[in-house]
N, C-alpha and C. Protein backbone atom coordinates (compact mmCIF):
# COMPACT_ATOMS: atom_id res chain seq x y z
N MET A 1 32.36 14.48 -9.29
CA MET A 1 31.93 13.16 -8.68
C MET A 1 30.53 12.79 -9.28
N THR A 2 29.67 13.83 -9.46
CA THR A 2 28.53 13.37 -10.10
C THR A 2 28.61 13.11 -11.67
N ALA A 3 29.69 13.56 -12.24
CA ALA A 3 30.01 13.37 -13.58
C ALA A 3 30.43 11.88 -13.92
N PHE A 4 31.30 11.55 -12.77
CA PHE A 4 31.89 10.21 -12.83
C PHE A 4 30.79 9.14 -12.61
N ILE A 5 29.86 9.40 -11.77
CA ILE A 5 29.00 8.49 -11.40
C ILE A 5 27.76 8.28 -12.80
N THR A 6 27.57 9.42 -13.23
CA THR A 6 26.70 9.33 -14.50
C THR A 6 27.72 8.73 -15.58
N HIS A 7 28.84 8.76 -15.59
CA HIS A 7 29.51 8.40 -16.80
C HIS A 7 29.59 6.55 -16.70
N CYS A 8 29.87 6.17 -15.36
CA CYS A 8 29.80 4.75 -14.97
C CYS A 8 28.54 4.21 -15.26
N TRP A 9 27.41 4.94 -14.85
CA TRP A 9 26.24 4.19 -14.95
C TRP A 9 25.78 4.04 -16.47
N LYS A 10 26.06 5.08 -17.27
CA LYS A 10 25.77 5.02 -18.65
C LYS A 10 26.51 3.79 -19.31
N ASN A 11 27.70 3.56 -18.88
CA ASN A 11 28.62 2.47 -19.35
C ASN A 11 28.00 1.05 -19.11
N PHE A 12 27.54 1.12 -17.72
CA PHE A 12 26.79 -0.20 -17.33
C PHE A 12 25.71 -0.66 -18.08
N LEU A 13 24.85 0.60 -18.32
CA LEU A 13 23.64 0.07 -18.93
C LEU A 13 23.90 -0.31 -20.57
N ARG A 14 25.20 0.03 -21.26
CA ARG A 14 25.42 -0.42 -22.36
C ARG A 14 26.15 -1.65 -22.40
N LEU A 15 26.54 -2.15 -21.30
CA LEU A 15 27.14 -3.59 -21.45
C LEU A 15 26.31 -4.68 -22.06
N ASP A 16 26.92 -5.44 -22.89
CA ASP A 16 26.58 -6.48 -23.47
C ASP A 16 27.14 -7.79 -23.17
N LEU A 17 26.66 -8.58 -22.08
CA LEU A 17 27.20 -9.75 -21.53
C LEU A 17 26.33 -10.80 -21.75
N PRO A 18 26.81 -12.11 -21.54
CA PRO A 18 26.00 -13.50 -21.44
C PRO A 18 25.01 -13.32 -20.41
N PHE A 19 24.05 -14.38 -20.59
CA PHE A 19 22.91 -14.43 -19.60
C PHE A 19 22.07 -12.98 -19.42
N SER A 20 21.68 -12.64 -20.74
CA SER A 20 21.23 -11.34 -20.87
C SER A 20 19.87 -11.04 -20.00
N GLY A 21 19.14 -12.25 -19.79
CA GLY A 21 18.28 -12.02 -18.70
C GLY A 21 18.44 -11.67 -17.35
N GLY A 22 19.47 -12.31 -17.00
CA GLY A 22 19.82 -11.89 -15.72
C GLY A 22 20.52 -10.61 -15.55
N VAL A 23 21.24 -10.15 -16.53
CA VAL A 23 21.75 -8.92 -16.61
C VAL A 23 20.58 -7.86 -16.68
N LYS A 24 19.42 -8.00 -17.54
CA LYS A 24 18.58 -7.21 -17.64
C LYS A 24 17.76 -6.87 -16.27
N ARG A 25 17.84 -8.18 -15.46
CA ARG A 25 17.21 -7.88 -14.22
C ARG A 25 17.95 -7.04 -13.23
N VAL A 26 19.23 -7.40 -13.38
CA VAL A 26 20.09 -6.57 -12.50
C VAL A 26 20.30 -5.02 -12.76
N ARG A 27 19.99 -4.89 -14.09
CA ARG A 27 19.87 -3.48 -14.50
C ARG A 27 18.63 -2.73 -13.89
N SER A 28 17.52 -3.46 -14.01
CA SER A 28 16.12 -2.87 -13.65
C SER A 28 16.43 -2.60 -12.03
N LEU A 29 17.04 -3.52 -11.46
CA LEU A 29 16.96 -3.46 -9.85
C LEU A 29 17.87 -2.07 -9.45
N CYS A 30 19.00 -2.11 -10.35
CA CYS A 30 19.98 -0.94 -9.98
C CYS A 30 19.34 0.38 -10.35
N ALA A 31 18.51 0.23 -11.41
CA ALA A 31 17.87 1.59 -11.78
C ALA A 31 16.97 1.85 -10.48
N ALA A 32 16.04 0.93 -10.26
CA ALA A 32 15.09 1.26 -9.00
C ALA A 32 15.85 1.76 -7.90
N GLY A 33 17.17 1.21 -7.48
CA GLY A 33 17.66 1.74 -6.42
C GLY A 33 18.25 3.23 -6.53
N LEU A 34 18.57 3.45 -7.83
CA LEU A 34 19.14 4.78 -8.11
C LEU A 34 18.01 5.83 -8.05
N VAL A 35 16.89 5.32 -8.34
CA VAL A 35 15.63 6.25 -8.28
C VAL A 35 15.51 6.42 -6.86
N VAL A 36 15.24 5.73 -6.17
CA VAL A 36 14.96 5.84 -4.63
C VAL A 36 16.23 6.63 -3.98
N CYS A 37 17.27 6.49 -4.32
CA CYS A 37 18.41 7.35 -3.76
C CYS A 37 18.24 8.88 -4.08
N CYS A 38 17.90 8.95 -5.26
CA CYS A 38 17.65 10.49 -5.71
C CYS A 38 16.28 10.95 -5.00
N LEU A 39 15.41 10.12 -4.85
CA LEU A 39 14.14 10.56 -4.16
C LEU A 39 14.35 10.95 -2.70
N ALA A 40 15.24 10.07 -2.30
CA ALA A 40 15.43 10.17 -0.61
C ALA A 40 16.05 11.67 -0.40
N PHE A 41 16.93 12.05 -1.24
CA PHE A 41 17.62 13.37 -1.07
C PHE A 41 16.61 14.39 -1.28
N ALA A 42 15.70 14.06 -2.10
CA ALA A 42 14.70 15.27 -2.45
C ALA A 42 13.67 15.35 -1.28
N GLY A 43 13.35 14.33 -0.51
CA GLY A 43 12.44 14.35 0.50
C GLY A 43 12.72 14.31 1.89
N ALA A 44 14.08 14.30 2.14
CA ALA A 44 14.55 14.18 3.46
C ALA A 44 14.22 15.14 4.52
N ALA A 45 13.65 16.19 3.97
CA ALA A 45 13.40 17.40 5.04
C ALA A 45 11.95 17.47 5.45
N HIS A 46 11.11 16.53 4.89
CA HIS A 46 9.72 16.61 5.07
C HIS A 46 9.36 15.77 6.20
N ALA A 47 8.18 16.07 6.90
CA ALA A 47 7.73 15.40 7.80
C ALA A 47 6.82 14.07 7.49
N ASP A 48 6.54 13.26 8.24
CA ASP A 48 5.68 12.09 7.96
C ASP A 48 4.47 12.50 7.51
N THR A 49 3.88 11.85 6.42
CA THR A 49 2.47 12.11 5.91
C THR A 49 1.41 11.92 6.79
N PRO A 50 0.58 12.76 7.23
CA PRO A 50 -0.45 12.51 8.04
C PRO A 50 -1.63 11.82 7.35
N VAL A 51 -2.30 10.85 8.07
CA VAL A 51 -3.38 10.20 7.41
C VAL A 51 -4.61 10.08 8.45
N ASP A 52 -5.62 10.19 7.94
CA ASP A 52 -6.98 10.10 8.84
C ASP A 52 -7.93 9.18 8.08
N LEU A 53 -8.88 8.73 8.98
CA LEU A 53 -9.96 7.91 8.35
C LEU A 53 -11.15 8.53 8.77
N GLN A 54 -12.06 8.89 7.56
CA GLN A 54 -13.21 9.71 7.68
C GLN A 54 -14.31 8.71 7.31
N GLY A 55 -15.70 9.08 7.90
CA GLY A 55 -16.82 8.51 7.52
C GLY A 55 -16.73 7.02 7.82
N LEU A 56 -16.22 6.48 8.75
CA LEU A 56 -16.17 5.19 9.03
C LEU A 56 -17.55 4.52 9.25
N GLN A 57 -17.88 3.46 8.75
CA GLN A 57 -19.10 2.73 8.85
C GLN A 57 -18.87 1.20 8.91
N LEU A 58 -19.60 0.66 9.92
CA LEU A 58 -19.31 -0.66 10.19
C LEU A 58 -20.81 -1.30 10.03
N GLU A 59 -21.14 -2.17 9.10
CA GLU A 59 -22.50 -2.67 8.91
C GLU A 59 -22.60 -4.00 8.93
N ARG A 60 -23.34 -4.68 9.78
CA ARG A 60 -23.65 -6.20 9.93
C ARG A 60 -24.65 -6.34 9.01
N GLN A 61 -24.50 -7.34 8.07
CA GLN A 61 -25.55 -7.92 7.15
C GLN A 61 -25.71 -9.52 7.19
N GLU A 62 -26.45 -10.27 6.58
CA GLU A 62 -26.56 -11.55 6.75
C GLU A 62 -25.04 -12.28 6.45
N ALA A 63 -24.56 -11.58 5.42
CA ALA A 63 -23.17 -12.44 4.97
C ALA A 63 -22.01 -11.89 5.87
N GLY A 64 -22.05 -11.00 6.53
CA GLY A 64 -20.94 -10.65 7.34
C GLY A 64 -20.96 -9.25 7.97
N LEU A 65 -19.89 -8.84 8.45
CA LEU A 65 -19.47 -7.35 8.73
C LEU A 65 -18.79 -6.73 7.87
N TYR A 66 -19.47 -5.48 7.22
CA TYR A 66 -18.83 -4.62 6.16
C TYR A 66 -18.22 -3.38 6.63
N MET A 67 -17.18 -3.01 6.01
CA MET A 67 -16.57 -1.73 6.41
C MET A 67 -16.54 -0.76 5.13
N SER A 68 -16.87 0.58 5.48
CA SER A 68 -16.78 1.70 4.43
C SER A 68 -16.09 2.73 4.97
N GLY A 69 -15.51 3.58 4.20
CA GLY A 69 -14.79 4.73 4.73
C GLY A 69 -14.01 5.39 3.63
N GLN A 70 -13.24 6.47 4.06
CA GLN A 70 -12.40 7.20 3.06
C GLN A 70 -11.17 7.58 3.76
N TRP A 71 -9.86 7.07 3.22
CA TRP A 71 -8.72 7.59 3.83
C TRP A 71 -8.31 8.98 3.24
N ARG A 72 -7.71 9.79 4.18
CA ARG A 72 -7.46 11.12 3.73
C ARG A 72 -5.88 11.58 3.98
N PHE A 73 -5.27 11.40 2.92
CA PHE A 73 -3.87 11.84 2.93
C PHE A 73 -3.48 12.23 1.53
N ASP A 74 -2.44 12.95 1.29
CA ASP A 74 -1.75 13.53 0.20
C ASP A 74 -0.55 12.83 -0.02
N LEU A 75 -0.30 12.55 -1.34
CA LEU A 75 0.95 11.75 -1.64
C LEU A 75 1.91 12.78 -1.74
N PRO A 76 3.27 12.75 -0.99
CA PRO A 76 4.46 13.72 -0.88
C PRO A 76 4.71 13.72 -2.56
N PRO A 77 5.43 15.16 -2.96
CA PRO A 77 5.91 15.20 -4.34
C PRO A 77 6.98 14.07 -4.48
N ALA A 78 7.69 13.51 -3.68
CA ALA A 78 8.69 12.62 -3.88
C ALA A 78 7.99 11.26 -4.50
N LEU A 79 6.74 10.93 -3.83
CA LEU A 79 6.21 9.66 -4.43
C LEU A 79 5.54 9.74 -5.51
N GLU A 80 5.00 11.14 -6.03
CA GLU A 80 4.38 11.55 -7.14
C GLU A 80 5.39 11.28 -8.22
N ASP A 81 6.54 11.81 -7.90
CA ASP A 81 7.72 11.67 -8.93
C ASP A 81 8.25 10.16 -9.08
N ALA A 82 8.26 9.38 -8.18
CA ALA A 82 8.53 7.99 -8.26
C ALA A 82 7.43 7.29 -9.19
N LEU A 83 6.08 7.44 -9.03
CA LEU A 83 5.11 6.90 -9.77
C LEU A 83 5.23 7.30 -11.38
N LEU A 84 5.59 8.65 -11.73
CA LEU A 84 5.96 9.20 -13.02
C LEU A 84 7.21 8.37 -13.37
N LYS A 85 8.16 7.97 -12.70
CA LYS A 85 9.57 7.39 -13.04
C LYS A 85 9.20 5.77 -13.27
N GLY A 86 8.01 5.28 -12.99
CA GLY A 86 7.66 3.97 -13.21
C GLY A 86 7.69 3.13 -12.02
N ILE A 87 7.86 3.64 -10.63
CA ILE A 87 7.81 2.84 -9.58
C ILE A 87 6.38 2.50 -9.18
N THR A 88 6.02 1.33 -8.97
CA THR A 88 4.65 1.05 -8.20
C THR A 88 4.59 1.20 -6.97
N LEU A 89 3.42 1.77 -6.32
CA LEU A 89 3.33 2.03 -4.88
C LEU A 89 2.06 0.94 -4.43
N TYR A 90 2.50 0.29 -3.30
CA TYR A 90 1.42 -0.61 -2.76
C TYR A 90 0.99 -0.05 -1.33
N PHE A 91 -0.30 -0.06 -1.09
CA PHE A 91 -0.83 0.15 0.21
C PHE A 91 -1.75 -0.77 0.60
N VAL A 92 -1.53 -1.11 1.95
CA VAL A 92 -2.30 -2.11 2.65
C VAL A 92 -3.28 -1.68 3.61
N THR A 93 -4.41 -1.99 3.88
CA THR A 93 -5.47 -1.86 5.07
C THR A 93 -5.62 -3.09 5.62
N GLU A 94 -5.28 -3.22 7.10
CA GLU A 94 -5.43 -4.37 7.87
C GLU A 94 -6.52 -4.18 8.89
N VAL A 95 -7.44 -5.17 9.12
CA VAL A 95 -8.53 -4.98 10.19
C VAL A 95 -8.46 -6.47 10.81
N GLU A 96 -8.46 -6.16 12.28
CA GLU A 96 -8.46 -7.32 13.12
C GLU A 96 -9.62 -7.04 14.26
N ILE A 97 -10.40 -8.18 14.38
CA ILE A 97 -11.42 -8.12 15.71
C ILE A 97 -10.96 -9.07 16.68
N ASN A 98 -10.94 -8.55 17.70
CA ASN A 98 -10.54 -9.48 18.94
C ASN A 98 -11.66 -9.37 19.95
N GLN A 99 -11.77 -10.64 20.54
CA GLN A 99 -12.94 -10.90 21.62
C GLN A 99 -12.27 -10.67 23.06
N GLU A 100 -12.69 -9.85 23.71
CA GLU A 100 -12.20 -9.44 25.22
C GLU A 100 -12.43 -10.57 26.14
N ARG A 101 -11.33 -11.14 26.73
CA ARG A 101 -11.59 -12.15 27.92
C ARG A 101 -10.75 -11.86 29.15
N TRP A 102 -11.48 -11.74 30.17
CA TRP A 102 -10.93 -11.35 31.45
C TRP A 102 -9.89 -12.18 32.13
N TYR A 103 -10.20 -13.53 31.68
CA TYR A 103 -9.20 -14.64 32.43
C TYR A 103 -8.07 -14.81 31.36
N PHE A 104 -8.00 -14.48 30.19
CA PHE A 104 -6.79 -14.68 29.43
C PHE A 104 -6.66 -13.69 28.23
N TYR A 105 -5.79 -13.83 27.57
CA TYR A 105 -5.35 -12.89 26.39
C TYR A 105 -6.74 -12.63 25.52
N ASN A 106 -6.84 -11.55 24.90
CA ASN A 106 -7.97 -11.42 24.06
C ASN A 106 -7.84 -12.32 22.81
N GLN A 107 -8.85 -12.72 22.41
CA GLN A 107 -8.83 -13.87 21.10
C GLN A 107 -9.26 -13.22 19.94
N ARG A 108 -8.36 -13.41 18.92
CA ARG A 108 -8.62 -12.96 17.61
C ARG A 108 -9.77 -13.72 16.97
N VAL A 109 -10.85 -13.14 16.31
CA VAL A 109 -11.95 -13.78 15.84
C VAL A 109 -12.09 -13.63 14.34
N ALA A 110 -11.35 -12.46 13.90
CA ALA A 110 -11.71 -12.26 12.50
C ALA A 110 -10.29 -11.38 12.18
N ARG A 111 -9.83 -11.33 10.83
CA ARG A 111 -8.85 -10.79 10.30
C ARG A 111 -8.96 -10.38 8.82
N ALA A 112 -8.87 -9.29 8.29
CA ALA A 112 -8.90 -9.13 6.81
C ALA A 112 -7.80 -7.99 6.31
N GLU A 113 -7.42 -8.30 5.10
CA GLU A 113 -6.58 -7.27 4.50
C GLU A 113 -7.09 -6.86 3.21
N ARG A 114 -6.82 -5.60 2.66
CA ARG A 114 -7.33 -5.08 1.39
C ARG A 114 -5.77 -4.44 0.90
N HIS A 115 -5.32 -5.06 -0.06
CA HIS A 115 -4.24 -4.51 -0.79
C HIS A 115 -4.34 -3.72 -1.91
N VAL A 116 -3.79 -2.52 -2.20
CA VAL A 116 -3.91 -1.69 -3.21
C VAL A 116 -2.80 -1.40 -4.00
N ARG A 117 -2.81 -1.66 -5.27
CA ARG A 117 -1.47 -1.56 -6.27
C ARG A 117 -1.71 -0.31 -7.15
N LEU A 118 -0.72 0.61 -7.01
CA LEU A 118 -0.98 1.90 -7.98
C LEU A 118 0.13 2.15 -8.79
N PHE A 119 0.10 2.29 -10.10
CA PHE A 119 0.87 2.55 -10.97
C PHE A 119 0.72 3.48 -12.10
N TYR A 120 1.66 3.97 -12.96
CA TYR A 120 1.47 4.88 -14.06
C TYR A 120 1.82 4.12 -15.29
N GLN A 121 0.93 4.16 -16.37
CA GLN A 121 1.32 3.50 -17.68
C GLN A 121 1.68 4.75 -18.59
N PRO A 122 2.79 4.70 -18.75
CA PRO A 122 3.30 5.77 -19.62
C PRO A 122 2.93 5.79 -21.21
N LEU A 123 2.67 4.64 -21.68
CA LEU A 123 2.43 4.43 -23.10
C LEU A 123 0.88 4.87 -23.36
N THR A 124 0.10 4.69 -22.44
CA THR A 124 -1.31 5.05 -22.56
C THR A 124 -1.54 6.42 -21.81
N ARG A 125 -0.60 6.90 -20.90
CA ARG A 125 -0.71 7.97 -20.02
C ARG A 125 -1.96 7.92 -19.11
N ARG A 126 -2.17 6.54 -18.59
CA ARG A 126 -3.40 6.37 -17.74
C ARG A 126 -2.54 5.67 -16.45
N TRP A 127 -3.51 5.72 -15.41
CA TRP A 127 -3.28 5.33 -14.25
C TRP A 127 -4.13 3.96 -13.86
N ARG A 128 -3.46 3.04 -13.24
CA ARG A 128 -3.81 1.68 -12.98
C ARG A 128 -4.12 1.50 -11.51
N VAL A 129 -5.15 0.97 -10.96
CA VAL A 129 -5.39 0.60 -9.55
C VAL A 129 -5.76 -0.88 -9.62
N ASN A 130 -5.24 -1.57 -8.96
CA ASN A 130 -5.56 -3.02 -8.63
C ASN A 130 -5.85 -3.30 -7.15
N ILE A 131 -6.86 -4.11 -6.78
CA ILE A 131 -7.25 -4.23 -5.43
C ILE A 131 -7.26 -5.77 -5.09
N SER A 132 -6.73 -6.26 -4.06
CA SER A 132 -6.53 -7.87 -3.66
C SER A 132 -6.78 -8.11 -2.37
N PRO A 133 -7.12 -9.10 -1.91
CA PRO A 133 -7.22 -9.36 -0.52
C PRO A 133 -5.95 -10.03 0.07
N GLN A 134 -5.06 -10.11 -1.03
CA GLN A 134 -3.51 -10.75 -0.62
C GLN A 134 -2.46 -9.77 -1.09
N ALA A 135 -1.46 -10.05 -0.61
CA ALA A 135 -0.48 -9.15 -1.16
C ALA A 135 -0.13 -9.66 -2.58
N PHE A 136 0.29 -8.69 -3.40
CA PHE A 136 0.44 -8.84 -4.82
C PHE A 136 1.69 -9.76 -4.99
N SER A 137 2.69 -9.72 -4.17
CA SER A 137 3.84 -10.74 -4.40
C SER A 137 3.38 -12.22 -4.11
N GLN A 138 2.46 -12.38 -3.41
CA GLN A 138 1.76 -13.91 -3.24
C GLN A 138 0.77 -14.26 -4.38
N SER A 139 0.04 -13.14 -4.71
CA SER A 139 -1.10 -13.57 -5.51
C SER A 139 -1.06 -13.25 -7.08
N GLY A 140 -0.18 -12.44 -7.33
CA GLY A 140 0.08 -11.58 -8.54
C GLY A 140 -1.17 -10.83 -8.92
N LEU A 141 -1.82 -10.90 -9.95
CA LEU A 141 -3.15 -10.20 -10.27
C LEU A 141 -4.22 -11.19 -10.69
N GLY A 142 -4.20 -12.31 -10.24
CA GLY A 142 -5.11 -13.33 -10.42
C GLY A 142 -6.32 -13.35 -9.63
N VAL A 143 -6.13 -12.71 -8.30
CA VAL A 143 -7.52 -12.54 -7.55
C VAL A 143 -7.70 -11.12 -7.47
N SER A 144 -7.19 -10.24 -8.14
CA SER A 144 -7.48 -8.87 -8.10
C SER A 144 -8.39 -8.21 -8.88
N LEU A 145 -9.02 -7.11 -8.67
CA LEU A 145 -9.94 -6.25 -9.25
C LEU A 145 -9.18 -5.12 -9.77
N GLY A 146 -9.30 -4.70 -11.02
CA GLY A 146 -8.38 -3.69 -11.62
C GLY A 146 -9.12 -2.67 -12.55
N GLN A 147 -8.80 -1.47 -12.41
CA GLN A 147 -9.60 -0.24 -13.36
C GLN A 147 -8.47 0.64 -13.69
N SER A 148 -8.65 1.36 -14.71
CA SER A 148 -7.75 2.20 -15.20
C SER A 148 -8.45 3.85 -15.07
N TYR A 149 -7.57 4.46 -14.99
CA TYR A 149 -8.16 6.08 -14.69
C TYR A 149 -7.31 6.85 -15.67
N ASP A 150 -7.90 8.06 -16.06
CA ASP A 150 -7.53 9.01 -16.91
C ASP A 150 -6.44 10.05 -16.21
N THR A 151 -6.72 10.35 -14.74
CA THR A 151 -5.83 11.15 -14.05
C THR A 151 -5.38 10.64 -12.80
N ALA A 152 -4.47 11.19 -12.13
CA ALA A 152 -3.80 10.76 -11.03
C ALA A 152 -4.97 11.02 -9.77
N GLU A 153 -5.62 12.07 -9.94
CA GLU A 153 -6.54 12.39 -8.88
C GLU A 153 -7.76 11.39 -8.84
N GLU A 154 -8.06 10.79 -9.95
CA GLU A 154 -9.25 9.65 -10.05
C GLU A 154 -8.75 8.40 -9.44
N ALA A 155 -7.28 8.04 -9.72
CA ALA A 155 -6.82 7.03 -9.30
C ALA A 155 -6.57 7.09 -7.64
N MET A 156 -5.97 8.06 -7.26
CA MET A 156 -6.02 8.14 -5.73
C MET A 156 -7.37 8.36 -5.09
N SER A 157 -8.29 8.61 -5.63
CA SER A 157 -9.61 8.50 -5.13
C SER A 157 -9.97 7.12 -5.08
N ALA A 158 -9.74 6.25 -5.87
CA ALA A 158 -9.97 4.81 -5.90
C ALA A 158 -9.14 4.09 -4.84
N VAL A 159 -7.81 4.61 -4.72
CA VAL A 159 -7.03 4.12 -3.47
C VAL A 159 -7.53 4.54 -2.16
N ARG A 160 -8.00 5.61 -1.96
CA ARG A 160 -8.53 6.08 -0.67
C ARG A 160 -9.86 5.51 -0.25
N ARG A 161 -10.61 5.13 -1.30
CA ARG A 161 -12.11 4.69 -1.06
C ARG A 161 -12.33 3.39 -0.62
N ILE A 162 -13.02 3.07 0.63
CA ILE A 162 -13.16 1.84 0.77
C ILE A 162 -14.97 1.76 0.84
N ILE A 163 -15.30 0.81 0.04
CA ILE A 163 -17.02 0.74 -0.04
C ILE A 163 -17.21 -0.97 0.08
N GLN A 164 -18.11 -0.97 1.21
CA GLN A 164 -18.62 -2.21 1.42
C GLN A 164 -17.69 -3.33 1.41
N TRP A 165 -16.57 -3.33 2.09
CA TRP A 165 -15.51 -4.21 2.29
C TRP A 165 -15.86 -5.17 3.44
N ARG A 166 -16.14 -6.51 3.08
CA ARG A 166 -16.27 -7.51 4.07
C ARG A 166 -15.09 -7.85 4.88
N ILE A 167 -15.25 -7.53 6.04
CA ILE A 167 -14.10 -7.80 7.08
C ILE A 167 -14.23 -8.93 7.94
N ALA A 168 -15.37 -9.69 7.96
CA ALA A 168 -15.68 -10.73 8.98
C ALA A 168 -17.07 -11.34 8.67
N ASN A 169 -16.95 -12.68 9.00
CA ASN A 169 -18.38 -13.46 8.87
C ASN A 169 -19.32 -12.96 9.84
N ALA A 170 -20.43 -13.21 9.64
CA ALA A 170 -21.74 -12.87 10.45
C ALA A 170 -21.45 -13.72 12.04
N ALA A 171 -21.10 -14.81 11.81
CA ALA A 171 -20.83 -15.56 13.04
C ALA A 171 -19.82 -15.08 14.04
N ASP A 172 -18.81 -14.35 13.32
CA ASP A 172 -17.69 -13.76 14.04
C ASP A 172 -18.11 -12.69 15.00
N VAL A 173 -19.03 -11.83 14.57
CA VAL A 173 -19.50 -10.90 15.61
C VAL A 173 -20.81 -10.96 16.08
N ALA A 174 -20.87 -10.40 17.33
CA ALA A 174 -22.20 -10.16 17.90
C ALA A 174 -22.56 -8.85 18.64
N SER A 175 -23.78 -8.38 18.48
CA SER A 175 -24.01 -7.19 19.15
C SER A 175 -23.93 -7.02 20.71
N ASP A 176 -23.89 -8.27 21.48
CA ASP A 176 -23.81 -8.35 22.95
C ASP A 176 -22.27 -8.79 23.26
N ALA A 177 -21.47 -8.93 22.34
CA ALA A 177 -20.15 -9.41 22.55
C ALA A 177 -19.15 -8.04 22.88
N LYS A 178 -18.20 -8.44 23.85
CA LYS A 178 -17.00 -7.32 24.01
C LYS A 178 -16.05 -7.68 23.11
N GLN A 179 -15.99 -6.89 22.10
CA GLN A 179 -15.02 -6.95 20.88
C GLN A 179 -14.38 -5.69 20.71
N THR A 180 -13.28 -5.52 20.13
CA THR A 180 -12.65 -4.42 19.61
C THR A 180 -12.07 -4.73 18.28
N ILE A 181 -12.14 -3.56 17.55
CA ILE A 181 -11.52 -3.58 16.12
C ILE A 181 -10.25 -2.67 15.96
N SER A 182 -9.25 -3.31 15.31
CA SER A 182 -8.01 -2.56 15.17
C SER A 182 -7.96 -2.34 13.68
N ILE A 183 -7.80 -1.11 13.35
CA ILE A 183 -7.57 -0.75 11.73
C ILE A 183 -6.14 -0.22 11.48
N ASN A 184 -5.32 -0.75 10.75
CA ASN A 184 -4.13 -0.12 10.37
C ASN A 184 -4.13 0.01 8.92
N PHE A 185 -3.46 1.07 8.44
CA PHE A 185 -3.17 1.54 7.01
C PHE A 185 -1.79 1.90 6.97
N LYS A 186 -0.97 1.63 5.58
CA LYS A 186 0.32 1.98 5.50
C LYS A 186 0.51 1.82 4.05
N LEU A 187 1.60 2.57 3.54
CA LEU A 187 2.27 2.37 2.41
C LEU A 187 3.09 1.01 2.71
N ASP A 188 3.04 -0.09 1.87
CA ASP A 188 3.57 -1.17 2.09
C ASP A 188 5.17 -1.25 1.42
N LEU A 189 6.23 -0.96 2.21
CA LEU A 189 7.37 -1.19 1.52
C LEU A 189 7.78 -2.39 1.17
N LYS A 190 7.25 -3.62 1.90
CA LYS A 190 7.75 -4.89 1.85
C LYS A 190 7.38 -5.41 0.40
N GLN A 191 6.32 -4.94 -0.30
CA GLN A 191 6.08 -5.40 -1.56
C GLN A 191 6.72 -4.81 -2.67
N LEU A 192 7.77 -3.77 -2.37
CA LEU A 192 8.66 -3.09 -3.42
C LEU A 192 9.91 -3.87 -3.67
N PRO A 193 10.57 -3.68 -4.79
CA PRO A 193 11.71 -4.50 -5.00
C PRO A 193 12.73 -4.03 -4.04
N ARG A 194 13.75 -5.23 -3.70
CA ARG A 194 14.73 -4.99 -2.55
C ARG A 194 15.24 -3.73 -2.33
N PRO A 195 16.08 -3.28 -3.63
CA PRO A 195 16.64 -2.09 -3.67
C PRO A 195 15.73 -0.76 -3.27
N LEU A 196 14.50 -0.89 -3.52
CA LEU A 196 13.47 0.19 -3.17
C LEU A 196 13.11 0.33 -1.73
N GLN A 197 13.16 -1.10 -1.04
CA GLN A 197 13.03 -1.22 0.55
C GLN A 197 14.28 -0.62 1.07
N ILE A 198 15.37 -0.88 0.68
CA ILE A 198 16.50 -0.42 1.51
C ILE A 198 16.74 1.16 1.23
N GLY A 199 16.25 1.74 0.07
CA GLY A 199 16.30 3.13 -0.07
C GLY A 199 15.49 3.79 0.53
N ALA A 200 14.09 3.34 0.56
CA ALA A 200 13.21 4.15 1.28
C ALA A 200 12.92 3.93 2.77
N ALA A 201 13.68 3.02 3.24
CA ALA A 201 13.52 2.82 4.58
C ALA A 201 14.04 3.84 5.39
N GLY A 202 13.39 4.47 6.30
CA GLY A 202 13.80 5.79 7.11
C GLY A 202 13.60 6.95 6.48
N GLN A 203 12.97 6.96 5.18
CA GLN A 203 12.71 8.36 4.57
C GLN A 203 11.30 8.52 5.05
N SER A 204 10.99 9.93 5.57
CA SER A 204 9.80 10.34 6.05
C SER A 204 8.60 10.29 4.92
N ASP A 205 9.18 10.50 3.77
CA ASP A 205 8.09 10.80 2.70
C ASP A 205 7.57 9.45 2.42
N TRP A 206 8.31 8.44 2.61
CA TRP A 206 7.89 6.79 2.48
C TRP A 206 7.07 6.47 3.63
N ASN A 207 6.90 7.13 4.65
CA ASN A 207 6.38 6.79 6.03
C ASN A 207 4.73 7.20 5.96
N ILE A 208 3.97 6.64 5.34
CA ILE A 208 2.50 6.83 5.37
C ILE A 208 1.77 5.78 6.17
N GLY A 209 1.10 6.12 7.34
CA GLY A 209 0.62 4.97 8.26
C GLY A 209 -0.65 5.55 8.97
N PHE A 210 -1.40 4.64 9.50
CA PHE A 210 -2.42 5.00 10.45
C PHE A 210 -2.87 3.97 11.23
N SER A 211 -2.92 3.87 12.46
CA SER A 211 -3.41 2.94 13.35
C SER A 211 -4.55 3.39 14.59
N LYS A 212 -5.48 2.62 14.52
CA LYS A 212 -6.55 2.91 15.61
C LYS A 212 -7.30 1.56 16.10
N THR A 213 -7.58 1.59 17.27
CA THR A 213 -8.27 0.51 17.93
C THR A 213 -9.59 0.98 18.83
N GLN A 214 -10.55 0.49 18.57
CA GLN A 214 -11.89 1.10 19.03
C GLN A 214 -12.78 -0.07 19.59
N ARG A 215 -13.69 0.13 20.46
CA ARG A 215 -14.83 -0.93 20.86
C ARG A 215 -15.47 -1.02 19.47
N LEU A 216 -15.99 -2.24 19.12
CA LEU A 216 -16.80 -2.62 18.07
C LEU A 216 -18.30 -2.56 18.81
N GLU A 217 -19.06 -1.59 18.09
CA GLU A 217 -20.49 -1.39 18.44
C GLU A 217 -21.38 -1.64 17.58
N LEU A 218 -22.11 -2.49 17.56
CA LEU A 218 -23.13 -2.88 16.46
C LEU A 218 -24.52 -2.87 16.94
N ALA A 219 -25.43 -2.38 16.02
CA ALA A 219 -26.96 -2.38 16.44
C ALA A 219 -27.30 -3.70 16.71
N PRO A 220 -28.28 -4.00 17.65
CA PRO A 220 -28.79 -5.33 17.70
C PRO A 220 -29.35 -5.86 16.50
């Protein structure tokens, strides 16, 4: 059975059909789907990846409220293998601040997102990290900050680290207000190509997430 699938796959890659641009796209999408199918079998027995947020700091300045901290998690071997095979990973941190109201639903006063794009460049053997306030599927790389690293460990340190991230305007928060802050972090499967989304759904190795809500306490 395996030999038959491999033979058919090789024949498909050798096809020379009209509309080459569309064919190339189909080939790339099928390749991505095949990679995820292989990774799914490799990681099916593992538990969800634990994630923790350490060193959380919320600092109010004249320009706004800033957040710093460090995500603590390790990439499962299946995801490390995916990166080396050319799969790009996307992580997103979402922060929401709500004003408590006894007479109605809580009111959202601020919301911020931090999207991180991680991929491996085989030609240079370097790792690339891009950071954007919007999903890369919407913004591309036009509004992102990017940097290359020599090792996977250095790149992952950049993914995990949050330094002076502005999450709200100064007028949105007050020391005497009853407000809560919700912090969510996850591996964003929605930004992956469609075949990858289908293949990764329900696979524990691809389930990386954190969620926490607490009272927002700021110094006067």
